Amino acid sequence: MEFGDIKIGSKKPENPEKSEATPGHEKKHENVPPVYEDHVIDADVGSDLLERIKNKGQGDTEQVIYGVYNNSGASWTVRLNDFFVDHSKVKLKEKSYFFHMLAVMVDAGIPVVQAVKSLASRSQNQRFQRVLNTIAHDCEAGANLSDAMSRFEAVFDEAEVGIVKSGEATGKLYAMLFKLSDQLDKRYDLYLKLRAAAVYPIVILAVLVLVVTGMLVWIFPTLLNLLNESGVTRDSLPLTTRLLIGLQNAVVNFWWLFVLIILGIYGVFSMYVNSSYGAVNWDYRKLNFPIVGSLIRKLNVLRFVSLVGILVEAGLPVINVLKITGNSLTNRVYKLEVQEVIERVKGGRKISESLMDKNYLFPPEVVQMLAVGEASANLAKVSEKVADQYQREVDNSLSKLTSVFGPLMIIFVGGLVALMALAIMGPLFNLGNLVGA
C-alpha cells in the first residue's frame, strides 16, 4: 500500500538470494539493489506504529463513577490524586462546550446517554469527566438528565438544572441547551474581560512592592555605609532620605511585625465578611465604590435580566424564575431585593411594579422595559434585549476602567520612582559637592 512517496511493504525476506523465482521467469540482474527504498516502511514496523497511535491517550485508569467507585483499598497516592481531582473546579468554558455539543448531538438524534458518554471521554478535565460519567450512569438507570445534574451543585447551578428540566418537560431539550451554551459563553467572555482589567494593576503593584523591598534590603544599606564612611550626619540628609532610612530600618528589623499585622487584618476582615451583617454590609459598600461600584451594579442587573429572560422562555413559573435568579446573584444586597420582589409578586404585583422604588439597584429604563415586556406578554424577548444592551454597557465600562487605571498606575509608579531617586541620589550629589569643595 502506498500514498505518494510513503509505502508500507511486505516483510523483507531474510535471504533474498535463496528465494525461488516465479515459474516462467528467470532471475536476472543479480547485482540490482534491493527494491526496499529508504521511504518504504516495513510492514511490521508500520503496524506497530499504527497500533501505538491507536492506543495513545487512552490510558489505563479506571472509569470513575461517583457512588460506585471505591478507593478505600487503593494506595495513598491514588487517594491523594482523587482528593485533588474531586475538589478541582470546572470552568465555564468547559461547561459551555459540553452544553453546545450536547445540543448538537441531541438535535442530530443521538440518545442523551450516548452523547454524554462520548463527551465525557473527550473532556480534558478529570473532575468533569467523572461527573459526566456519573450522569451517564444515572441516566442509564432511568434518571432524567436534569435530575442527574442536580447531584452536582458545585458544578451545575440551579439555573442550569432548571433550564435543562424545562427543556425535557417541553420536548425542546436541544433548543434550551443551545440557549444555555450561549449564556455560558457570554459569562465566560465577561469573566475574561474582568480578569484582564484586574490583572494589569495587580501585577504592576506586585512588581513595584518587590522592587522597593529589594532596594530597601540590599541597595539602600550600601548607600548608608558610603554616607557614614564619608562623615555625613543624618541631620544633614534630605527629608525624603531620612524617611527612606526609617522605612528601611522598619522593613529590615520589624518585617515579622508587618507580616503579623497583615495576617491580623486579613483574619479580622475575613471574620467580618463571613458574618451575616458583615457580608451584606460589605456587599453594599462595594456598590458605592467610585467607578467600580457602577460596574458591579451593571453586572448584577445584567445577570438578573439575562437569567429572567432565558428562564421565562424555558417556561418556568415566575416565582421559580425569581428564586433561581436570586440564588444565582453574587451580591447579597441584590439577593435581598429579589426576595422582596418575590413576596410582592406572591401578593399579586408584577415584577416591574416591585422594582420601581429601587432605582439605585435597577435603573428606571430597565424597569420600564420589563413593564413593557409584562404588558405585551413578551417578557423573555424584552429581557433578552435589555441583557444585550447591558452587555454593551459593561464592555464600555470595562474599557473606560482600563483606560483610567492605566494613566493612574503610570502616575503612581512614576511618583514613587521619583521619590526613591530623590532620596537616593540627593545625598550622593551633596557628597560630590562636599568632596569638590
Protein backbone atom coordinates (compact mmCIF):
# COMPACT_ATOMS: atom_id res chain seq x y z
CA MET A 1 0.00 0.00 0.00
CA GLU A 2 1.36 3.48 -0.81
CA PHE A 3 0.36 7.14 -0.73
CA GLY A 4 2.73 9.31 -2.73
CA ASP A 5 6.29 8.51 -1.64
CA ILE A 6 5.33 6.65 1.56
CA LYS A 7 4.88 2.90 1.27
CA ILE A 8 4.14 0.07 3.65
CA GLY A 9 5.51 -3.06 2.01
CA SER A 10 5.53 -6.72 2.89
CA LYS A 11 8.20 -8.09 5.15
CA LYS A 12 11.64 -8.36 3.50
CA PRO A 13 12.87 -11.96 3.16
CA GLU A 14 15.88 -12.86 5.27
CA ASN A 15 17.94 -14.14 2.31
CA PRO A 16 16.67 -12.77 -0.99
CA GLU A 17 19.26 -14.72 -2.98
CA LYS A 18 17.76 -18.06 -1.89
CA SER A 19 14.21 -17.16 -2.72
CA GLU A 20 12.77 -19.16 -5.55
CA ALA A 21 11.97 -17.43 -8.79
CA THR A 22 8.47 -17.36 -10.08
CA PRO A 23 7.86 -20.18 -12.55
CA GLY A 24 8.39 -19.00 -16.05
CA HIS A 25 10.66 -16.16 -15.00
CA GLU A 26 14.39 -16.45 -14.78
CA LYS A 27 16.27 -14.43 -12.18
CA LYS A 28 18.11 -11.64 -13.92
CA HIS A 29 20.24 -8.69 -12.91
CA GLU A 30 21.97 -10.33 -9.93
CA ASN A 31 23.59 -7.01 -8.88
CA VAL A 32 20.41 -4.93 -8.84
CA PRO A 33 19.94 -3.23 -5.38
CA PRO A 34 17.00 -4.35 -3.16
CA VAL A 35 13.66 -2.84 -4.06
CA TYR A 36 13.10 -1.65 -0.47
CA GLU A 37 13.96 2.03 -0.62
CA ASP A 38 14.51 4.35 2.35
CA HIS A 39 10.95 5.65 2.29
CA VAL A 40 9.42 2.17 2.25
CA ILE A 41 8.33 1.18 5.77
CA ASP A 42 8.50 -2.44 6.85
CA ALA A 43 5.04 -3.93 7.38
CA ASP A 44 5.73 -4.97 10.99
CA VAL A 45 7.20 -1.56 11.88
CA GLY A 46 4.27 0.27 10.29
CA SER A 47 1.70 -1.93 12.04
CA ASP A 48 3.38 -1.44 15.42
CA LEU A 49 3.46 2.33 14.89
CA LEU A 50 -0.21 2.49 13.92
CA GLU A 51 -1.13 0.34 16.94
CA ARG A 52 0.71 2.68 19.30
CA ILE A 53 -1.08 5.65 17.76
CA LYS A 54 -4.42 3.90 18.16
CA ASN A 55 -3.81 3.26 21.84
CA LYS A 56 -2.17 6.61 22.52
CA GLY A 57 -4.03 8.72 25.03
CA GLN A 58 -6.49 6.00 26.02
CA GLY A 59 -4.73 5.40 29.31
CA ASP A 60 -5.39 2.57 31.68
CA THR A 61 -7.08 4.46 34.51
CA GLU A 62 -10.31 3.19 35.95
CA GLN A 63 -13.51 4.92 34.87
CA VAL A 64 -14.74 6.73 37.98
CA ILE A 65 -18.47 6.82 38.74
CA TYR A 66 -19.40 8.53 41.99
CA GLY A 67 -21.32 6.19 44.26
CA VAL A 68 -19.81 3.14 42.57
CA TYR A 69 -16.10 3.88 42.62
CA ASN A 70 -14.36 2.98 45.89
CA ASN A 71 -10.73 3.89 46.53
CA SER A 72 -10.57 2.73 50.14
CA GLY A 73 -8.20 -0.09 49.20
CA ALA A 74 -6.06 1.98 46.86
CA SER A 75 -2.63 3.41 47.61
CA TRP A 76 -2.22 6.77 49.29
CA THR A 77 -1.06 8.35 46.03
CA VAL A 78 -4.32 7.32 44.32
CA ARG A 79 -6.42 8.64 47.22
CA LEU A 80 -4.47 11.90 47.24
CA ASN A 81 -4.95 12.31 43.49
CA ASP A 82 -8.68 11.57 43.89
CA PHE A 83 -8.91 14.25 46.58
CA PHE A 84 -7.37 16.94 44.37
CA VAL A 85 -9.40 15.87 41.34
CA ASP A 86 -12.70 15.83 43.28
CA HIS A 87 -12.02 19.32 44.66
CA SER A 88 -10.94 20.87 41.37
CA LYS A 89 -13.08 23.41 39.54
CA VAL A 90 -14.94 23.02 36.27
CA LYS A 91 -14.53 26.14 34.15
CA LEU A 92 -17.34 27.95 32.38
CA LYS A 93 -15.67 27.32 29.03
CA GLU A 94 -15.80 23.55 29.57
CA LYS A 95 -19.47 23.62 30.57
CA SER A 96 -20.34 25.85 27.62
CA TYR A 97 -18.63 23.45 25.21
CA PHE A 98 -20.39 20.50 26.83
CA PHE A 99 -23.88 22.02 26.54
CA HIS A 100 -23.26 23.17 22.96
CA MET A 101 -22.01 19.77 21.77
CA LEU A 102 -24.77 18.01 23.71
CA ALA A 103 -27.35 20.19 21.96
CA VAL A 104 -25.83 19.38 18.56
CA MET A 105 -25.80 15.64 19.26
CA VAL A 106 -29.33 15.57 20.71
CA ASP A 107 -30.62 17.60 17.75
CA ALA A 108 -28.97 15.02 15.46
CA GLY A 109 -30.96 12.24 17.12
CA ILE A 110 -28.24 10.74 19.31
CA PRO A 111 -29.58 9.46 22.66
CA VAL A 112 -28.66 11.58 25.68
CA VAL A 113 -26.79 8.75 27.43
CA GLN A 114 -24.64 8.03 24.40
CA ALA A 115 -23.96 11.74 23.86
CA VAL A 116 -22.92 12.32 27.48
CA LYS A 117 -20.63 9.28 27.41
CA SER A 118 -18.99 10.49 24.23
CA LEU A 119 -18.42 13.98 25.63
CA ALA A 120 -17.08 12.53 28.89
CA SER A 121 -14.39 10.61 27.02
CA ARG A 122 -13.36 13.82 25.20
CA SER A 123 -13.15 16.02 28.29
CA GLN A 124 -9.65 17.02 29.39
CA ASN A 125 -10.82 17.90 32.92
CA GLN A 126 -10.73 14.79 35.12
CA ARG A 127 -13.28 16.19 37.54
CA PHE A 128 -15.73 17.00 34.75
CA GLN A 129 -15.07 13.62 33.15
CA ARG A 130 -16.04 11.85 36.37
CA VAL A 131 -19.15 13.98 36.73
CA LEU A 132 -20.27 13.22 33.17
CA ASN A 133 -19.60 9.50 33.60
CA THR A 134 -21.76 9.53 36.72
CA ILE A 135 -24.53 11.45 34.92
CA ALA A 136 -24.48 8.92 32.09
CA HIS A 137 -24.62 6.07 34.62
CA ASP A 138 -27.63 7.63 36.38
CA CYS A 139 -29.41 8.26 33.07
CA GLU A 140 -28.90 4.62 32.12
CA ALA A 141 -30.52 3.69 35.43
CA GLY A 142 -33.64 5.70 34.47
CA ALA A 143 -32.95 9.21 35.80
CA ASN A 144 -33.57 12.36 33.77
CA LEU A 145 -30.60 14.45 32.69
CA SER A 146 -31.66 17.34 34.95
CA ASP A 147 -32.06 15.04 37.97
CA ALA A 148 -28.62 13.54 37.36
CA MET A 149 -27.11 17.04 37.03
CA SER A 150 -28.75 18.21 40.27
CA ARG A 151 -26.47 15.84 42.24
CA PHE A 152 -23.51 18.10 41.45
CA GLU A 153 -24.42 21.51 42.85
CA ALA A 154 -20.78 22.60 42.78
CA VAL A 155 -20.65 22.02 39.00
CA PHE A 156 -24.15 22.84 37.74
CA ASP A 157 -26.01 25.69 39.40
CA GLU A 158 -29.75 25.82 39.95
CA ALA A 159 -30.38 27.91 36.83
CA GLU A 160 -28.64 25.41 34.55
CA VAL A 161 -30.54 22.49 36.06
CA GLY A 162 -33.83 24.39 35.77
CA ILE A 163 -33.26 25.21 32.10
CA VAL A 164 -32.47 21.58 31.28
CA LYS A 165 -35.51 20.40 33.24
CA SER A 166 -37.80 22.75 31.34
CA GLY A 167 -36.32 21.58 28.04
CA GLU A 168 -37.08 17.99 28.99
CA ALA A 169 -40.63 18.91 30.01
CA THR A 170 -41.39 20.77 26.77
CA GLY A 171 -39.63 18.33 24.45
CA LYS A 172 -37.23 21.05 23.24
CA LEU A 173 -34.11 19.98 25.11
CA TYR A 174 -31.73 20.84 22.27
CA ALA A 175 -33.12 24.40 21.99
CA MET A 176 -32.68 25.04 25.72
CA LEU A 177 -29.19 23.55 25.61
CA PHE A 178 -28.23 25.95 22.82
CA LYS A 179 -29.59 28.86 24.86
CA LEU A 180 -27.69 27.69 27.92
CA SER A 181 -24.47 27.30 25.95
CA ASP A 182 -24.80 30.81 24.56
CA GLN A 183 -25.44 32.18 28.06
CA LEU A 184 -22.34 30.49 29.46
CA ASP A 185 -20.26 31.71 26.51
CA LYS A 186 -21.20 35.31 27.32
CA ARG A 187 -20.43 34.79 31.00
CA TYR A 188 -17.03 33.34 30.15
CA ASP A 189 -16.17 36.21 27.81
CA LEU A 190 -17.18 38.67 30.51
CA TYR A 191 -15.05 36.80 33.04
CA LEU A 192 -12.01 37.06 30.74
CA LYS A 193 -12.56 40.80 30.32
CA LEU A 194 -12.89 41.33 34.08
CA ARG A 195 -9.75 39.31 34.73
CA ALA A 196 -7.81 41.22 32.09
CA ALA A 197 -8.90 44.54 33.63
CA ALA A 198 -7.82 43.39 37.12
CA VAL A 199 -4.54 41.70 36.21
CA TYR A 200 -2.75 44.84 34.99
CA PRO A 201 -2.89 46.94 38.20
CA ILE A 202 -2.31 43.88 40.41
CA VAL A 203 0.82 42.86 38.51
CA ILE A 204 2.17 46.42 38.50
CA LEU A 205 1.65 46.80 42.25
CA ALA A 206 3.19 43.39 43.00
CA VAL A 207 6.29 44.15 40.93
CA LEU A 208 6.55 47.60 42.50
CA VAL A 209 6.41 46.16 46.04
CA LEU A 210 9.09 43.60 45.18
CA VAL A 211 11.38 46.23 43.63
CA VAL A 212 11.00 48.67 46.53
CA THR A 213 11.58 45.90 49.08
CA GLY A 214 14.69 44.74 47.21
CA MET A 215 16.09 48.26 47.12
CA LEU A 216 15.46 48.79 50.82
CA VAL A 217 17.01 45.47 51.84
CA TRP A 218 20.02 45.22 49.50
CA ILE A 219 20.78 48.52 47.72
CA PHE A 220 19.99 51.20 50.29
CA PRO A 221 22.29 49.78 53.05
CA THR A 222 25.26 50.23 50.66
CA LEU A 223 24.36 53.90 50.30
CA LEU A 224 24.12 54.31 54.06
CA ASN A 225 27.56 52.75 54.57
CA LEU A 226 29.02 55.11 51.97
CA LEU A 227 27.47 58.13 53.69
CA ASN A 228 28.65 57.02 57.13
CA GLU A 229 32.20 56.49 55.90
CA SER A 230 32.14 59.97 54.38
CA GLY A 231 31.15 61.53 57.71
CA VAL A 232 27.71 62.71 56.59
CA THR A 233 25.37 63.05 59.57
CA ARG A 234 21.72 62.01 59.45
CA ASP A 235 20.52 65.52 60.26
CA SER A 236 22.16 66.87 57.12
CA LEU A 237 20.32 64.44 54.87
CA PRO A 238 17.18 65.47 52.92
CA LEU A 239 13.77 64.70 54.41
CA THR A 240 13.00 62.06 51.77
CA THR A 241 16.25 60.24 52.54
CA ARG A 242 15.55 60.27 56.30
CA LEU A 243 12.06 58.89 55.69
CA LEU A 244 13.53 56.17 53.50
CA ILE A 245 16.07 55.31 56.21
CA GLY A 246 13.25 54.94 58.73
CA LEU A 247 11.30 52.74 56.33
CA GLN A 248 14.40 50.64 55.64
CA ASN A 249 15.02 50.10 59.36
CA ALA A 250 11.39 49.09 59.87
CA VAL A 251 11.44 46.61 56.98
CA VAL A 252 14.75 45.02 57.97
CA ASN A 253 14.26 44.89 61.74
CA PHE A 254 10.50 44.52 62.10
CA TRP A 255 9.44 42.57 58.96
CA TRP A 256 7.80 39.96 61.19
CA LEU A 257 5.60 42.67 62.70
CA PHE A 258 4.44 43.71 59.23
CA VAL A 259 3.58 40.09 58.44
CA LEU A 260 1.61 39.71 61.69
CA ILE A 261 -0.27 42.96 61.06
CA ILE A 262 -1.21 41.91 57.52
CA LEU A 263 -2.33 38.46 58.69
CA GLY A 264 -4.29 40.02 61.57
CA ILE A 265 -6.07 42.48 59.29
CA TYR A 266 -6.87 39.69 56.85
CA GLY A 267 -8.21 37.46 59.64
CA VAL A 268 -10.43 40.18 61.12
CA PHE A 269 -11.71 41.15 57.67
CA SER A 270 -12.48 37.51 56.83
CA MET A 271 -14.44 37.06 60.05
CA TYR A 272 -16.35 40.27 59.35
CA VAL A 273 -17.34 39.46 55.76
CA ASN A 274 -18.30 35.89 56.73
CA SER A 275 -20.77 37.12 59.34
CA SER A 276 -24.38 37.78 58.33
CA TYR A 277 -24.28 41.53 58.96
CA GLY A 278 -20.74 41.99 57.66
CA ALA A 279 -21.38 40.13 54.40
CA VAL A 280 -24.40 42.25 53.48
CA ASN A 281 -22.74 45.48 54.62
CA TRP A 282 -19.57 44.73 52.64
CA ASP A 283 -21.56 43.98 49.50
CA TYR A 284 -23.37 47.30 49.98
CA ARG A 285 -20.03 49.09 50.38
CA LYS A 286 -18.82 47.58 47.12
CA LEU A 287 -21.80 49.06 45.31
CA ASN A 288 -20.70 52.53 46.48
CA PHE A 289 -17.06 52.28 45.39
CA PRO A 290 -16.01 55.01 42.93
CA ILE A 291 -16.01 53.77 39.31
CA VAL A 292 -16.03 50.10 40.34
CA GLY A 293 -19.38 50.33 42.16
CA SER A 294 -21.22 51.34 39.00
CA LEU A 295 -19.70 48.39 37.17
CA ILE A 296 -20.76 45.98 39.92
CA ARG A 297 -24.35 47.24 39.74
CA LYS A 298 -24.39 46.81 35.96
CA LEU A 299 -23.04 43.27 36.27
CA ASN A 300 -25.79 42.29 38.70
CA VAL A 301 -28.51 43.86 36.55
CA LEU A 302 -27.10 42.06 33.52
CA ARG A 303 -27.15 38.75 35.38
CA PHE A 304 -30.71 39.36 36.60
CA VAL A 305 -32.30 40.26 33.26
CA SER A 306 -30.43 37.61 31.27
CA LEU A 307 -31.50 34.82 33.64
CA VAL A 308 -35.08 36.08 33.82
CA GLY A 309 -35.22 36.09 30.02
CA ILE A 310 -33.92 32.58 29.47
CA LEU A 311 -35.87 31.04 32.38
CA VAL A 312 -39.16 32.64 31.34
CA GLU A 313 -38.57 31.42 27.79
CA ALA A 314 -37.94 27.96 29.24
CA GLY A 315 -41.49 28.02 30.59
CA LEU A 316 -40.78 28.13 34.32
CA PRO A 317 -43.28 29.83 36.66
CA VAL A 318 -42.41 33.42 37.59
CA ILE A 319 -41.84 32.61 41.27
CA ASN A 320 -39.41 29.83 40.38
CA VAL A 321 -37.70 32.14 37.90
CA LEU A 322 -37.14 34.75 40.61
CA LYS A 323 -35.94 32.18 43.14
CA ILE A 324 -33.41 30.70 40.76
CA THR A 325 -32.27 34.15 39.63
CA GLY A 326 -31.87 35.37 43.22
CA ASN A 327 -29.76 32.36 44.15
CA SER A 328 -27.54 32.95 41.11
CA LEU A 329 -26.70 36.56 42.03
CA THR A 330 -23.44 37.09 43.90
CA ASN A 331 -24.21 40.40 45.61
CA ARG A 332 -26.26 39.89 48.80
CA VAL A 333 -27.97 43.29 48.51
CA TYR A 334 -29.45 42.18 45.19
CA LYS A 335 -30.39 38.84 46.75
CA LEU A 336 -32.36 40.67 49.44
CA GLU A 337 -34.05 42.82 46.82
CA VAL A 338 -35.09 39.77 44.79
CA GLN A 339 -36.50 38.15 47.95
CA GLU A 340 -38.62 41.26 48.48
CA VAL A 341 -39.75 41.14 44.85
CA ILE A 342 -40.81 37.50 45.30
CA GLU A 343 -43.00 38.44 48.26
CA ARG A 344 -44.60 41.27 46.28
CA VAL A 345 -45.22 39.04 43.24
CA LYS A 346 -46.86 36.48 45.51
CA GLY A 347 -49.15 39.30 46.64
CA GLY A 348 -50.29 39.91 43.07
CA ARG A 349 -47.89 42.61 41.88
CA LYS A 350 -45.79 42.46 38.71
CA ILE A 351 -42.01 42.29 38.66
CA SER A 352 -41.67 45.78 37.20
CA GLU A 353 -44.00 47.26 39.84
CA SER A 354 -41.96 45.61 42.59
CA LEU A 355 -38.74 47.21 41.29
CA MET A 356 -39.98 50.77 40.80
CA ASP A 357 -38.79 52.03 44.20
CA LYS A 358 -35.25 50.63 43.80
CA ASN A 359 -33.75 52.95 41.19
CA TYR A 360 -30.32 52.67 42.77
CA LEU A 361 -30.20 48.90 42.12
CA PHE A 362 -32.37 48.75 39.00
CA PRO A 363 -32.30 51.85 36.75
CA PRO A 364 -35.69 53.24 35.63
CA GLU A 365 -35.13 52.32 31.98
CA VAL A 366 -34.68 48.66 32.96
CA VAL A 367 -37.89 48.69 34.99
CA GLN A 368 -39.79 50.37 32.14
CA MET A 369 -38.59 47.78 29.63
CA LEU A 370 -39.63 44.96 31.95
CA ALA A 371 -43.05 46.61 32.31
CA VAL A 372 -43.42 46.70 28.53
CA GLY A 373 -42.49 43.02 28.35
CA GLU A 374 -45.04 42.06 31.01
CA ALA A 375 -47.76 44.15 29.39
CA SER A 376 -47.18 42.56 25.99
CA ALA A 377 -46.72 39.02 27.40
CA ASN A 378 -43.26 39.02 25.85
CA LEU A 379 -41.07 39.28 28.93
CA ALA A 380 -38.47 36.78 27.66
CA LYS A 381 -37.66 38.66 24.46
CA VAL A 382 -37.64 42.07 26.16
CA SER A 383 -35.34 40.78 28.90
CA GLU A 384 -33.01 39.42 26.25
CA LYS A 385 -32.85 42.82 24.56
CA VAL A 386 -32.15 44.54 27.89
CA ALA A 387 -29.41 41.99 28.59
CA ASP A 388 -27.79 42.70 25.22
CA GLN A 389 -27.87 46.43 25.92
CA TYR A 390 -26.30 45.98 29.36
CA GLN A 391 -23.69 43.65 27.91
CA ARG A 392 -22.56 46.50 25.68
CA GLU A 393 -22.62 48.94 28.61
CA VAL A 394 -20.50 46.59 30.72
CA ASP A 395 -17.99 46.23 27.87
CA ASN A 396 -17.79 50.03 27.56
CA SER A 397 -17.38 50.41 31.33
CA LEU A 398 -14.54 47.88 31.34
CA SER A 399 -12.82 49.73 28.51
CA LYS A 400 -13.14 53.03 30.38
CA LEU A 401 -11.94 51.41 33.59
CA THR A 402 -8.84 50.07 31.86
CA SER A 403 -8.16 53.43 30.23
CA VAL A 404 -8.45 55.18 33.62
CA PHE A 405 -6.33 52.71 35.59
CA GLY A 406 -3.51 52.83 33.05
CA PRO A 407 -2.61 56.54 33.48
CA LEU A 408 -3.26 56.38 37.22
CA MET A 409 -0.81 53.50 37.61
CA ILE A 410 1.76 55.33 35.49
CA ILE A 411 1.43 58.46 37.63
CA PHE A 412 1.62 56.46 40.85
CA VAL A 413 4.64 54.42 39.77
CA GLY A 414 6.36 57.48 38.32
CA GLY A 415 5.83 59.48 41.51
CA LEU A 416 7.15 56.69 43.70
CA VAL A 417 10.19 56.18 41.47
CA ALA A 418 10.87 59.92 41.53
CA LEU A 419 10.77 59.97 45.35
CA MET A 420 13.07 56.96 45.54
CA ALA A 421 15.50 58.56 43.09
CA LEU A 422 15.42 61.86 45.00
CA ALA A 423 16.01 60.10 48.33
CA ILE A 424 18.94 58.08 46.97
CA MET A 425 20.61 60.46 44.52
CA GLY A 426 20.21 63.66 46.61
CA PRO A 427 22.79 62.68 49.27
CA LEU A 428 25.19 61.49 46.56
CA PHE A 429 25.04 64.88 44.81
CA ASN A 430 25.63 66.67 48.14
CA LEU A 431 28.50 64.31 48.86
CA GLY A 432 30.06 65.15 45.49
CA ASN A 433 29.77 68.88 46.24
CA LEU A 434 31.46 68.38 49.64
CA VAL A 435 34.30 66.40 48.09
CA GLY A 436 34.75 69.06 45.38
CA ALA A 437 34.87 71.83 47.99
